[in-house]
Amino acid sequence: MRMKEMVARTGVHERLLRYYEQQGLLTPGRLPSGYRVYAEGDVEVVRRIRCLLAAGLPTAVIAQVLPCLTDDESAVGLAPACPELVARLRTERARMTEEIKVLRSSRATLDTILLAGNSSAG
């Protein structure tokens, strides 16, 4: 299928499809004219990419884990198929946990500043 149909089938903008290709996440074929041509399975690949992006994974990590995912009956619909993938995902989860701690601390600081502003404004 051509780019326009891929956009319609996935709901993903052309620029993002090109970006996924640039990042090595998607590898469409090429027609002699240079136009991209996507396989039916690429629709599922884009769904998986979107799912992993929504989970907070950067594209560099997605490139590593994408080949080791399989379909599953879970709410997300993905499951690890390679043992090393579980360790990689745990590392990413730990990274996110640390980021959440930093964000909570930053929010608490802002809350303190806002409270001080409210008491001095009144």
Protein backbone atom coordinates (compact mmCIF):
# COMPACT_ATOMS: atom_id res chain seq x y z
CA MET A 1 0.00 0.00 0.00
CA ARG A 2 1.15 3.55 -0.65
CA MET A 3 1.75 6.27 1.94
CA LYS A 4 -1.74 7.77 1.72
CA GLU A 5 -3.42 4.43 2.46
CA MET A 6 -0.98 3.75 5.30
CA VAL A 7 -1.88 7.10 6.85
CA ALA A 8 -5.58 6.27 6.54
CA ARG A 9 -5.16 2.77 8.00
CA THR A 10 -2.96 3.78 10.96
CA GLY A 11 -4.07 7.34 11.68
CA VAL A 12 -0.39 8.29 11.78
CA HIS A 13 0.79 11.36 9.86
CA GLU A 14 3.18 10.95 6.91
CA ARG A 15 5.94 12.77 8.79
CA LEU A 16 5.76 10.28 11.64
CA LEU A 17 5.89 7.33 9.25
CA ARG A 18 9.02 8.83 7.68
CA TYR A 19 10.46 9.43 11.13
CA TYR A 20 9.81 5.81 12.11
CA GLU A 21 11.61 4.75 8.95
CA GLN A 22 14.50 7.10 9.75
CA GLN A 23 14.77 5.56 13.23
CA GLY A 24 14.87 2.04 11.78
CA LEU A 25 11.46 1.12 13.21
CA LEU A 26 9.71 0.69 9.88
CA THR A 27 11.20 -0.49 6.59
CA PRO A 28 8.83 0.04 3.68
CA GLY A 29 9.76 -1.12 0.22
CA ARG A 30 10.37 1.28 -2.63
CA LEU A 31 8.83 1.41 -6.06
CA PRO A 32 11.09 2.16 -9.05
CA SER A 33 9.69 5.70 -8.88
CA GLY A 34 11.03 6.02 -5.31
CA TYR A 35 7.61 5.99 -3.66
CA ARG A 36 7.31 4.03 -0.44
CA VAL A 37 5.21 0.90 -0.46
CA TYR A 38 4.07 -0.65 2.81
CA ALA A 39 3.24 -4.27 3.49
CA GLU A 40 0.05 -5.29 5.29
CA GLY A 41 2.13 -6.24 8.34
CA ASP A 42 3.46 -2.69 8.61
CA VAL A 43 0.07 -1.58 9.92
CA GLU A 44 0.63 -3.84 12.94
CA VAL A 45 4.21 -2.61 13.33
CA VAL A 46 2.94 0.97 13.52
CA ARG A 47 0.36 -0.08 16.13
CA ARG A 48 3.13 -1.62 18.22
CA ILE A 49 5.32 1.47 17.84
CA ARG A 50 2.45 3.70 18.97
CA CYS A 51 1.77 1.43 21.94
CA LEU A 52 5.40 1.51 23.05
CA LEU A 53 5.61 5.28 22.59
CA ALA A 54 2.48 5.65 24.73
CA ALA A 55 4.22 3.53 27.38
CA GLY A 56 6.95 6.17 27.49
CA LEU A 57 9.71 4.34 25.65
CA PRO A 58 12.05 6.37 23.44
CA THR A 59 12.42 5.31 19.81
CA ALA A 60 15.99 4.07 20.39
CA VAL A 61 14.67 1.58 22.95
CA ILE A 62 11.71 0.71 20.75
CA ALA A 63 14.13 -0.22 17.96
CA GLN A 64 15.74 -2.72 20.34
CA VAL A 65 12.57 -4.26 21.76
CA LEU A 66 10.28 -4.24 18.71
CA PRO A 67 11.73 -7.44 17.19
CA CYS A 68 11.18 -9.27 20.49
CA LEU A 69 7.49 -8.57 20.92
CA THR A 70 4.64 -10.92 20.19
CA ASP A 71 0.87 -10.54 20.24
CA ASP A 72 -0.88 -11.29 23.50
CA GLU A 73 -4.41 -11.36 24.86
CA SER A 74 -3.62 -8.66 27.44
CA ALA A 75 -5.17 -5.19 27.35
CA VAL A 76 -2.06 -3.87 25.59
CA GLY A 77 -1.88 -6.81 23.22
CA LEU A 78 1.91 -7.22 23.45
CA ALA A 79 4.16 -9.62 25.32
CA PRO A 80 7.93 -10.16 25.40
CA ALA A 81 9.15 -13.03 23.25
CA CYS A 82 12.85 -12.83 24.17
CA PRO A 83 14.17 -13.28 27.72
CA GLU A 84 16.54 -10.31 27.39
CA LEU A 85 13.59 -8.07 26.57
CA VAL A 86 12.16 -8.46 30.06
CA ALA A 87 15.42 -7.20 31.59
CA ARG A 88 15.52 -4.26 29.15
CA LEU A 89 11.93 -3.30 29.96
CA ARG A 90 12.64 -3.53 33.69
CA THR A 91 15.56 -1.14 33.20
CA GLU A 92 13.28 1.28 31.37
CA ARG A 93 10.67 1.00 34.10
CA ALA A 94 13.30 1.81 36.73
CA ARG A 95 14.39 4.84 34.69
CA MET A 96 10.79 6.04 34.53
CA THR A 97 10.36 5.53 38.28
CA GLU A 98 13.36 7.78 38.92
CA GLU A 99 11.99 10.41 36.54
CA ILE A 100 8.66 10.31 38.38
CA LYS A 101 10.45 10.90 41.70
CA VAL A 102 12.21 13.94 40.26
CA LEU A 103 8.95 15.29 38.82
CA ARG A 104 7.16 14.84 42.16
CA SER A 105 9.93 16.73 43.90
CA SER A 106 9.76 19.51 41.31
CA ARG A 107 5.98 19.71 41.72
CA ALA A 108 6.34 19.93 45.50
CA THR A 109 8.78 22.81 45.09
CA LEU A 110 6.33 24.62 42.82
CA ASP A 111 3.50 23.98 45.27
CA THR A 112 5.58 25.56 48.04
CA ILE A 113 6.33 28.59 45.89
CA LEU A 114 2.66 28.95 44.94
CA LEU A 115 1.57 28.72 48.57
CA ALA A 116 4.08 31.40 49.54
CA GLY A 117 2.74 33.55 46.69
CA ASN A 118 -0.84 33.14 47.89
CA SER A 119 0.02 34.14 51.46
CA SER A 120 1.94 37.25 50.37
CA ALA A 121 -0.72 38.29 47.86
CA GLY A 122 -3.49 38.42 50.46
